[in-house]
């Protein structure tokens, strides 16, 4: 349904490798199949390397963990079918 945000999700049911989102928006309730998020691989978090300046030792890379923006830390995204090119 057009205009649906991830914030409209009310529940996520996971069973094995399949999942279903339940949405409530615009006075309606419906379910959509879900697939694992390809950005965070279902973890809900992403890791990035952040450069830290150290003038004595030359600096280093520090791991930084952030919430995945694509799935809002659910680890799953709605599956709208095959992607078209």
PDB file of N, CA and C in Angstrom:
ATOM      1  N   UNK A   1       0.847  -1.172   0.000  1.00  0.00           N
ATOM      2  CA  UNK A   1       0.000   0.000   0.000  1.00  0.00           C
ATOM      3  C   UNK A   1       0.888   1.230   0.000  1.00  0.00           C
ATOM      4  N   UNK A   2       0.581   2.191  -0.832  1.00  0.00           N
ATOM      5  CA  UNK A   2       1.402   3.384  -0.967  1.00  0.00           C
ATOM      6  C   UNK A   2       1.312   4.255   0.274  1.00  0.00           C
ATOM      7  N   UNK A   3       2.388   4.914   0.594  1.00  0.00           N
ATOM      8  CA  UNK A   3       2.414   5.840   1.721  1.00  0.00           C
ATOM      9  C   UNK A   3       2.584   5.177   3.076  1.00  0.00           C
ATOM     10  N   UNK A   4       3.000   3.934   3.110  1.00  0.00           N
ATOM     11  CA  UNK A   4       3.170   3.223   4.374  1.00  0.00           C
ATOM     12  C   UNK A   4       4.604   3.399   4.849  1.00  0.00           C
ATOM     13  N   UNK A   5       4.762   3.732   6.117  1.00  0.00           N
ATOM     14  CA  UNK A   5       6.072   3.901   6.726  1.00  0.00           C
ATOM     15  C   UNK A   5       6.386   2.685   7.576  1.00  0.00           C
ATOM     16  N   UNK A   6       7.668   2.458   7.849  1.00  0.00           N
ATOM     17  CA  UNK A   6       8.042   1.376   8.753  1.00  0.00           C
ATOM     18  C   UNK A   6       7.462   1.639  10.145  1.00  0.00           C
ATOM     19  N   UNK A   7       7.186   2.898  10.484  1.00  0.00           N
ATOM     20  CA  UNK A   7       6.613   3.220  11.794  1.00  0.00           C
ATOM     21  C   UNK A   7       5.160   2.772  11.915  1.00  0.00           C
ATOM     22  N   UNK A   8       4.516   2.404  10.793  1.00  0.00           N
ATOM     23  CA  UNK A   8       3.141   1.910  10.819  1.00  0.00           C
ATOM     24  C   UNK A   8       3.058   0.437  11.210  1.00  0.00           C
ATOM     25  N   UNK A   9       4.209  -0.220  11.365  1.00  0.00           N
ATOM     26  CA  UNK A   9       4.232  -1.635  11.729  1.00  0.00           C
ATOM     27  C   UNK A   9       3.741  -1.794  13.158  1.00  0.00           C
ATOM     28  N   UNK A  10       2.849  -2.722  13.367  1.00  0.00           N
ATOM     29  CA  UNK A  10       2.345  -2.993  14.700  1.00  0.00           C
ATOM     30  C   UNK A  10       2.899  -4.296  15.251  1.00  0.00           C
ATOM     31  N   UNK A  11       3.220  -5.255  14.375  1.00  0.00           N
ATOM     32  CA  UNK A  11       3.783  -6.516  14.848  1.00  0.00           C
ATOM     33  C   UNK A  11       4.545  -7.205  13.725  1.00  0.00           C
ATOM     34  N   UNK A  12       5.449  -8.082  14.139  1.00  0.00           N
ATOM     35  CA  UNK A  12       6.241  -8.873  13.218  1.00  0.00           C
ATOM     36  C   UNK A  12       6.230 -10.300  13.728  1.00  0.00           C
ATOM     37  N   UNK A  13       5.709 -11.211  12.920  1.00  0.00           N
ATOM     38  CA  UNK A  13       5.657 -12.622  13.275  1.00  0.00           C
ATOM     39  C   UNK A  13       6.722 -13.366  12.485  1.00  0.00           C
ATOM     40  N   UNK A  14       7.636 -14.043  13.192  1.00  0.00           N
ATOM     41  CA  UNK A  14       8.723 -14.771  12.551  1.00  0.00           C
ATOM     42  C   UNK A  14       8.571 -16.250  12.840  1.00  0.00           C
ATOM     43  N   UNK A  15       8.646 -17.051  11.779  1.00  0.00           N
ATOM     44  CA  UNK A  15       8.613 -18.500  11.929  1.00  0.00           C
ATOM     45  C   UNK A  15       9.636 -19.086  10.968  1.00  0.00           C
ATOM     46  N   UNK A  16      10.770 -19.530  11.507  1.00  0.00           N
ATOM     47  CA  UNK A  16      11.838 -20.060  10.669  1.00  0.00           C
ATOM     48  C   UNK A  16      12.432 -18.981   9.796  1.00  0.00           C
ATOM     49  N   UNK A  17      12.449 -19.221   8.486  1.00  0.00           N
ATOM     50  CA  UNK A  17      13.005 -18.254   7.541  1.00  0.00           C
ATOM     51  C   UNK A  17      11.946 -17.359   6.923  1.00  0.00           C
ATOM     52  N   UNK A  18      10.716 -17.416   7.419  1.00  0.00           N
ATOM     53  CA  UNK A  18       9.654 -16.565   6.889  1.00  0.00           C
ATOM     54  C   UNK A  18       9.148 -15.632   7.984  1.00  0.00           C
ATOM     55  N   UNK A  19       8.616 -14.514   7.567  1.00  0.00           N
ATOM     56  CA  UNK A  19       8.082 -13.543   8.515  1.00  0.00           C
ATOM     57  C   UNK A  19       6.929 -12.787   7.874  1.00  0.00           C
ATOM     58  N   UNK A  20       6.062 -12.217   8.714  1.00  0.00           N
ATOM     59  CA  UNK A  20       4.911 -11.439   8.246  1.00  0.00           C
ATOM     60  C   UNK A  20       4.805 -10.179   9.092  1.00  0.00           C
ATOM     61  N   UNK A  21       4.720  -9.019   8.427  1.00  0.00           N
ATOM     62  CA  UNK A  21       4.466  -7.744   9.094  1.00  0.00           C
ATOM     63  C   UNK A  21       2.965  -7.518   9.165  1.00  0.00           C
ATOM     64  N   UNK A  22       2.476  -6.999  10.267  1.00  0.00           N
ATOM     65  CA  UNK A  22       1.097  -6.549  10.376  1.00  0.00           C
ATOM     66  C   UNK A  22       1.123  -5.027  10.463  1.00  0.00           C
ATOM     67  N   UNK A  23       0.459  -4.366   9.525  1.00  0.00           N
ATOM     68  CA  UNK A  23       0.421  -2.912   9.461  1.00  0.00           C
ATOM     69  C   UNK A  23      -0.946  -2.396   9.902  1.00  0.00           C
ATOM     70  N   UNK A  24      -0.956  -1.232  10.557  1.00  0.00           N
ATOM     71  CA  UNK A  24      -2.182  -0.494  10.868  1.00  0.00           C
ATOM     72  C   UNK A  24      -1.940   0.935  10.388  1.00  0.00           C
ATOM     73  N   UNK A  25      -2.687   1.376   9.407  1.00  0.00           N
ATOM     74  CA  UNK A  25      -2.545   2.735   8.908  1.00  0.00           C
ATOM     75  C   UNK A  25      -3.814   3.128   8.173  1.00  0.00           C
ATOM     76  N   UNK A  26      -4.143   4.392   8.248  1.00  0.00           N
ATOM     77  CA  UNK A  26      -5.290   4.950   7.534  1.00  0.00           C
ATOM     78  C   UNK A  26      -6.580   4.204   7.862  1.00  0.00           C
ATOM     79  N   UNK A  27      -6.707   3.725   9.099  1.00  0.00           N
ATOM     80  CA  UNK A  27      -7.906   3.025   9.521  1.00  0.00           C
ATOM     81  C   UNK A  27      -8.035   1.607   8.991  1.00  0.00           C
ATOM     82  N   UNK A  28      -6.961   1.074   8.436  1.00  0.00           N
ATOM     83  CA  UNK A  28      -6.989  -0.276   7.880  1.00  0.00           C
ATOM     84  C   UNK A  28      -5.926  -1.141   8.547  1.00  0.00           C
ATOM     85  N   UNK A  29      -6.099  -2.441   8.463  1.00  0.00           N
ATOM     86  CA  UNK A  29      -5.133  -3.403   8.975  1.00  0.00           C
ATOM     87  C   UNK A  29      -4.887  -4.439   7.886  1.00  0.00           C
ATOM     88  N   UNK A  30      -3.613  -4.733   7.611  1.00  0.00           N
ATOM     89  CA  UNK A  30      -3.289  -5.748   6.621  1.00  0.00           C
ATOM     90  C   UNK A  30      -1.926  -6.357   6.941  1.00  0.00           C
ATOM     91  N   UNK A  31      -1.667  -7.497   6.315  1.00  0.00           N
ATOM     92  CA  UNK A  31      -0.411  -8.211   6.518  1.00  0.00           C
ATOM     93  C   UNK A  31       0.353  -8.286   5.208  1.00  0.00           C
ATOM     94  N   UNK A  32       1.675  -8.252   5.309  1.00  0.00           N
ATOM     95  CA  UNK A  32       2.535  -8.382   4.145  1.00  0.00           C
ATOM     96  C   UNK A  32       3.684  -9.312   4.481  1.00  0.00           C
ATOM     97  N   UNK A  33       4.103 -10.148   3.529  1.00  0.00           N
ATOM     98  CA  UNK A  33       5.258 -11.011   3.788  1.00  0.00           C
ATOM     99  C   UNK A  33       6.517 -10.171   3.941  1.00  0.00           C
ATOM    100  N   UNK A  34       7.492 -10.709   4.660  1.00  0.00           N
ATOM    101  CA  UNK A  34       8.736  -9.994   4.900  1.00  0.00           C
ATOM    102  C   UNK A  34       9.924 -10.867   4.509  1.00  0.00           C
ATOM    103  N   UNK A  35      11.026 -10.203   4.226  1.00  0.00           N
ATOM    104  CA  UNK A  35      12.283 -10.896   3.942  1.00  0.00           C
ATOM    105  C   UNK A  35      13.380 -10.254   4.777  1.00  0.00           C
ATOM    106  N   UNK A  36      14.474 -10.980   4.973  1.00  0.00           N
ATOM    107  CA  UNK A  36      15.576 -10.442   5.762  1.00  0.00           C
ATOM    108  C   UNK A  36      16.165  -9.223   5.065  1.00  0.00           C
ATOM    109  N   UNK A  37      16.545  -8.255   5.859  1.00  0.00           N
ATOM    110  CA  UNK A  37      17.125  -7.014   5.341  1.00  0.00           C
ATOM    111  C   UNK A  37      18.470  -7.317   4.687  1.00  0.00           C
ATOM    112  N   UNK A  38      18.661  -6.836   3.467  1.00  0.00           N
ATOM    113  CA  UNK A  38      19.910  -7.100   2.754  1.00  0.00           C
ATOM    114  C   UNK A  38      21.038  -6.187   3.227  1.00  0.00           C
ATOM    115  N   UNK A  39      20.715  -5.099   3.908  1.00  0.00           N
ATOM    116  CA  UNK A  39      21.747  -4.182   4.392  1.00  0.00           C
ATOM    117  C   UNK A  39      22.428  -4.720   5.638  1.00  0.00           C
ATOM    118  N   UNK A  40      21.640  -5.181   6.608  1.00  0.00           N
ATOM    119  CA  UNK A  40      22.199  -5.656   7.883  1.00  0.00           C
ATOM    120  C   UNK A  40      22.179  -7.174   8.002  1.00  0.00           C
ATOM    121  N   UNK A  41      21.680  -7.869   6.979  1.00  0.00           N
ATOM    122  CA  UNK A  41      21.598  -9.336   6.952  1.00  0.00           C
ATOM    123  C   UNK A  41      20.779  -9.892   8.110  1.00  0.00           C
ATOM    124  N   UNK A  42      19.735  -9.158   8.500  1.00  0.00           N
ATOM    125  CA  UNK A  42      18.822  -9.631   9.534  1.00  0.00           C
ATOM    126  C   UNK A  42      19.266  -9.337  10.957  1.00  0.00           C
ATOM    127  N   UNK A  43      20.360  -8.610  11.144  1.00  0.00           N
ATOM    128  CA  UNK A  43      20.846  -8.305  12.488  1.00  0.00           C
ATOM    129  C   UNK A  43      20.197  -7.067  13.100  1.00  0.00           C
ATOM    130  N   UNK A  44      19.738  -6.141  12.282  1.00  0.00           N
ATOM    131  CA  UNK A  44      19.142  -4.912  12.783  1.00  0.00           C
ATOM    132  C   UNK A  44      20.167  -3.832  13.085  1.00  0.00           C
ATOM    133  N   UNK A  45      21.438  -4.164  12.961  1.00  0.00           N
ATOM    134  CA  UNK A  45      22.521  -3.215  13.208  1.00  0.00           C
ATOM    135  C   UNK A  45      23.552  -3.322  12.092  1.00  0.00           C
ATOM    136  N   UNK A  46      24.210  -2.207  11.815  1.00  0.00           N
ATOM    137  CA  UNK A  46      25.287  -2.203  10.831  1.00  0.00           C
ATOM    138  C   UNK A  46      26.564  -1.738  11.516  1.00  0.00           C
ATOM    139  N   UNK A  47      27.695  -2.254  11.044  1.00  0.00           N
ATOM    140  CA  UNK A  47      28.996  -1.889  11.595  1.00  0.00           C
ATOM    141  C   UNK A  47      29.755  -1.092  10.550  1.00  0.00           C
ATOM    142  N   UNK A  48      30.331   0.014  10.978  1.00  0.00           N
ATOM    143  CA  UNK A  48      31.128   0.844  10.083  1.00  0.00           C
ATOM    144  C   UNK A  48      32.443   1.176  10.782  1.00  0.00           C
ATOM    145  N   UNK A  49      33.468   1.397   9.993  1.00  0.00           N
ATOM    146  CA  UNK A  49      34.753   1.776  10.551  1.00  0.00           C
ATOM    147  C   UNK A  49      34.863   3.291  10.559  1.00  0.00           C
ATOM    148  N   UNK A  50      35.275   3.822  11.684  1.00  0.00           N
ATOM    149  CA  UNK A  50      35.403   5.262  11.859  1.00  0.00           C
ATOM    150  C   UNK A  50      36.874   5.577  12.137  1.00  0.00           C
ATOM    151  N   UNK A  51      37.431   6.494  11.386  1.00  0.00           N
ATOM    152  CA  UNK A  51      38.833   6.863  11.564  1.00  0.00           C
ATOM    153  C   UNK A  51      39.004   7.711  12.820  1.00  0.00           C
ATOM    154  N   UNK A  52      39.971   7.337  13.651  1.00  0.00           N
ATOM    155  CA  UNK A  52      40.285   8.080  14.871  1.00  0.00           C
ATOM    156  C   UNK A  52      41.698   8.633  14.719  1.00  0.00           C
ATOM    157  N   UNK A  53      41.834   9.945  14.879  1.00  0.00           N
ATOM    158  CA  UNK A  53      43.124  10.597  14.713  1.00  0.00           C
ATOM    159  C   UNK A  53      43.945  10.425  15.985  1.00  0.00           C
ATOM    160  N   UNK A  54      45.177   9.944  15.807  1.00  0.00           N
ATOM    161  CA  UNK A  54      46.131   9.803  16.908  1.00  0.00           C
ATOM    162  C   UNK A  54      47.460  10.326  16.383  1.00  0.00           C
ATOM    163  N   UNK A  55      47.843  11.522  16.796  1.00  0.00           N
ATOM    164  CA  UNK A  55      49.032  12.167  16.252  1.00  0.00           C
ATOM    165  C   UNK A  55      50.324  11.468  16.668  1.00  0.00           C
ATOM    166  N   UNK A  56      50.313  10.706  17.741  1.00  0.00           N
ATOM    167  CA  UNK A  56      51.519  10.023  18.202  1.00  0.00           C
ATOM    168  C   UNK A  56      51.709   8.706  17.453  1.00  0.00           C
ATOM    169  N   UNK A  57      50.655   7.912  17.342  1.00  0.00           N
ATOM    170  CA  UNK A  57      50.764   6.577  16.757  1.00  0.00           C
ATOM    171  C   UNK A  57      50.243   6.483  15.322  1.00  0.00           C
ATOM    172  N   UNK A  58      49.758   7.559  14.766  1.00  0.00           N
ATOM    173  CA  UNK A  58      49.317   7.562  13.376  1.00  0.00           C
ATOM    174  C   UNK A  58      47.833   7.324  13.162  1.00  0.00           C
ATOM    175  N   UNK A  59      47.079   7.069  14.232  1.00  0.00           N
ATOM    176  CA  UNK A  59      45.640   6.876  14.114  1.00  0.00           C
ATOM    177  C   UNK A  59      45.278   5.415  13.944  1.00  0.00           C
ATOM    178  N   UNK A  60      43.970   5.148  13.999  1.00  0.00           N
ATOM    179  CA  UNK A  60      43.477   3.784  13.860  1.00  0.00           C
ATOM    180  C   UNK A  60      42.019   3.825  13.447  1.00  0.00           C
ATOM    181  N   UNK A  61      41.482   2.669  13.074  1.00  0.00           N
ATOM    182  CA  UNK A  61      40.075   2.552  12.707  1.00  0.00           C
ATOM    183  C   UNK A  61      39.322   1.927  13.867  1.00  0.00           C
ATOM    184  N   UNK A  62      38.252   2.566  14.270  1.00  0.00           N
ATOM    185  CA  UNK A  62      37.427   2.092  15.369  1.00  0.00           C
ATOM    186  C   UNK A  62      36.078   1.629  14.816  1.00  0.00           C
ATOM    187  N   UNK A  63      35.613   0.455  15.233  1.00  0.00           N
ATOM    188  CA  UNK A  63      34.305  -0.030  14.793  1.00  0.00           C
ATOM    189  C   UNK A  63      33.196   0.744  15.477  1.00  0.00           C
ATOM    190  N   UNK A  64      32.210   1.143  14.700  1.00  0.00           N
ATOM    191  CA  UNK A  64      31.061   1.871  15.218  1.00  0.00           C
ATOM    192  C   UNK A  64      29.799   1.103  14.820  1.00  0.00           C
ATOM    193  N   UNK A  65      28.936   0.814  15.786  1.00  0.00           N
ATOM    194  CA  UNK A  65      27.696   0.083  15.525  1.00  0.00           C
ATOM    195  C   UNK A  65      26.535   1.067  15.541  1.00  0.00           C
ATOM    196  N   UNK A  66      25.683   0.981  14.499  1.00  0.00           N
ATOM    197  CA  UNK A  66      24.529   1.871  14.390  1.00  0.00           C
ATOM    198  C   UNK A  66      23.290   1.056  14.018  1.00  0.00           C
ATOM    199  N   UNK A  67      22.128   1.609  14.294  1.00  0.00           N
ATOM    200  CA  UNK A  67      20.865   0.980  13.923  1.00  0.00           C
ATOM    201  C   UNK A  67      20.704   1.025  12.411  1.00  0.00           C
ATOM    202  N   UNK A  68      20.274  -0.075  11.835  1.00  0.00           N
ATOM    203  CA  UNK A  68      20.051  -0.134  10.385  1.00  0.00           C
ATOM    204  C   UNK A  68      18.870   0.762  10.025  1.00  0.00           C
ATOM    205  N   UNK A  69      19.096   1.687   9.109  1.00  0.00           N
ATOM    206  CA  UNK A  69      18.041   2.622   8.708  1.00  0.00           C
ATOM    207  C   UNK A  69      17.041   2.000   7.744  1.00  0.00           C
ATOM    208  N   UNK A  70      17.448   0.964   7.018  1.00  0.00           N
ATOM    209  CA  UNK A  70      16.544   0.347   6.042  1.00  0.00           C
ATOM    210  C   UNK A  70      15.429  -0.448   6.711  1.00  0.00           C
ATOM    211  N   UNK A  71      15.736  -1.116   7.831  1.00  0.00           N
ATOM    212  CA  UNK A  71      14.725  -1.964   8.476  1.00  0.00           C
ATOM    213  C   UNK A  71      14.320  -1.439   9.859  1.00  0.00           C
ATOM    214  N   UNK A  72      14.833  -0.286  10.279  1.00  0.00           N
ATOM    215  CA  UNK A  72      14.532   0.290  11.601  1.00  0.00           C
ATOM    216  C   UNK A  72      14.801  -0.697  12.727  1.00  0.00           C
ATOM    217  N   UNK A  73      15.866  -1.458  12.614  1.00  0.00           N
ATOM    218  CA  UNK A  73      16.366  -2.436  13.594  1.00  0.00           C
ATOM    219  C   UNK A  73      15.466  -3.668  13.742  1.00  0.00           C
ATOM    220  N   UNK A  74      14.494  -3.859  12.838  1.00  0.00           N
ATOM    221  CA  UNK A  74      13.686  -5.075  12.868  1.00  0.00           C
ATOM    222  C   UNK A  74      14.474  -6.274  12.344  1.00  0.00           C
ATOM    223  N   UNK A  75      15.355  -6.036  11.381  1.00  0.00           N
ATOM    224  CA  UNK A  75      16.074  -7.121  10.735  1.00  0.00           C
ATOM    225  C   UNK A  75      15.324  -7.684   9.541  1.00  0.00           C
ATOM    226  N   UNK A  76      14.102  -7.248   9.349  1.00  0.00           N
ATOM    227  CA  UNK A  76      13.247  -7.696   8.250  1.00  0.00           C
ATOM    228  C   UNK A  76      12.662  -6.478   7.549  1.00  0.00           C
ATOM    229  N   UNK A  77      12.416  -6.608   6.251  1.00  0.00           N
ATOM    230  CA  UNK A  77      11.774  -5.558   5.461  1.00  0.00           C
ATOM    231  C   UNK A  77      10.605  -6.174   4.700  1.00  0.00           C
ATOM    232  N   UNK A  78       9.576  -5.386   4.370  1.00  0.00           N
ATOM    233  CA  UNK A  78       8.455  -5.941   3.589  1.00  0.00           C
ATOM    234  C   UNK A  78       8.942  -6.475   2.247  1.00  0.00           C
ATOM    235  N   UNK A  79       8.405  -7.617   1.852  1.00  0.00           N
ATOM    236  CA  UNK A  79       8.776  -8.256   0.594  1.00  0.00           C
ATOM    237  C   UNK A  79       7.711  -7.906  -0.445  1.00  0.00           C
ATOM    238  N   UNK A  80       8.049  -6.995  -1.334  1.00  0.00           N
ATOM    239  CA  UNK A  80       7.098  -6.555  -2.358  1.00  0.00           C
ATOM    240  C   UNK A  80       7.225  -7.347  -3.643  1.00  0.00           C
ATOM    241  N   UNK A  81       7.871  -8.484  -3.596  1.00  0.00           N
ATOM    242  CA  UNK A  81       8.022  -9.315  -4.788  1.00  0.00           C
ATOM    243  C   UNK A  81       9.372  -9.095  -5.442  1.00  0.00           C
ATOM    244  N   UNK A  82       9.566  -9.659  -6.635  1.00  0.00           N
ATOM    245  CA  UNK A  82      10.859  -9.524  -7.302  1.00  0.00           C
ATOM    246  C   UNK A  82      11.124  -8.077  -7.708  1.00  0.00           C
ATOM    247  N   UNK A  83      12.396  -7.699  -7.574  1.00  0.00           N
ATOM    248  CA  UNK A  83      12.775  -6.332  -7.945  1.00  0.00           C
ATOM    249  C   UNK A  83      12.846  -6.221  -9.455  1.00  0.00           C
ATOM    250  N   UNK A  84      12.330  -5.107  -9.967  1.00  0.00           N
ATOM    251  CA  UNK A  84      12.340  -4.870 -11.405  1.00  0.00           C
ATOM    252  C   UNK A  84      13.519  -3.994 -11.773  1.00  0.00           C
ATOM    253  N   UNK A  85      14.067  -4.240 -12.949  1.00  0.00           N
ATOM    254  CA  UNK A  85      15.212  -3.453 -13.399  1.00  0.00           C
ATOM    255  C   UNK A  85      14.783  -2.322 -14.282  1.00  0.00           C
TER     256      UNK A  85
END
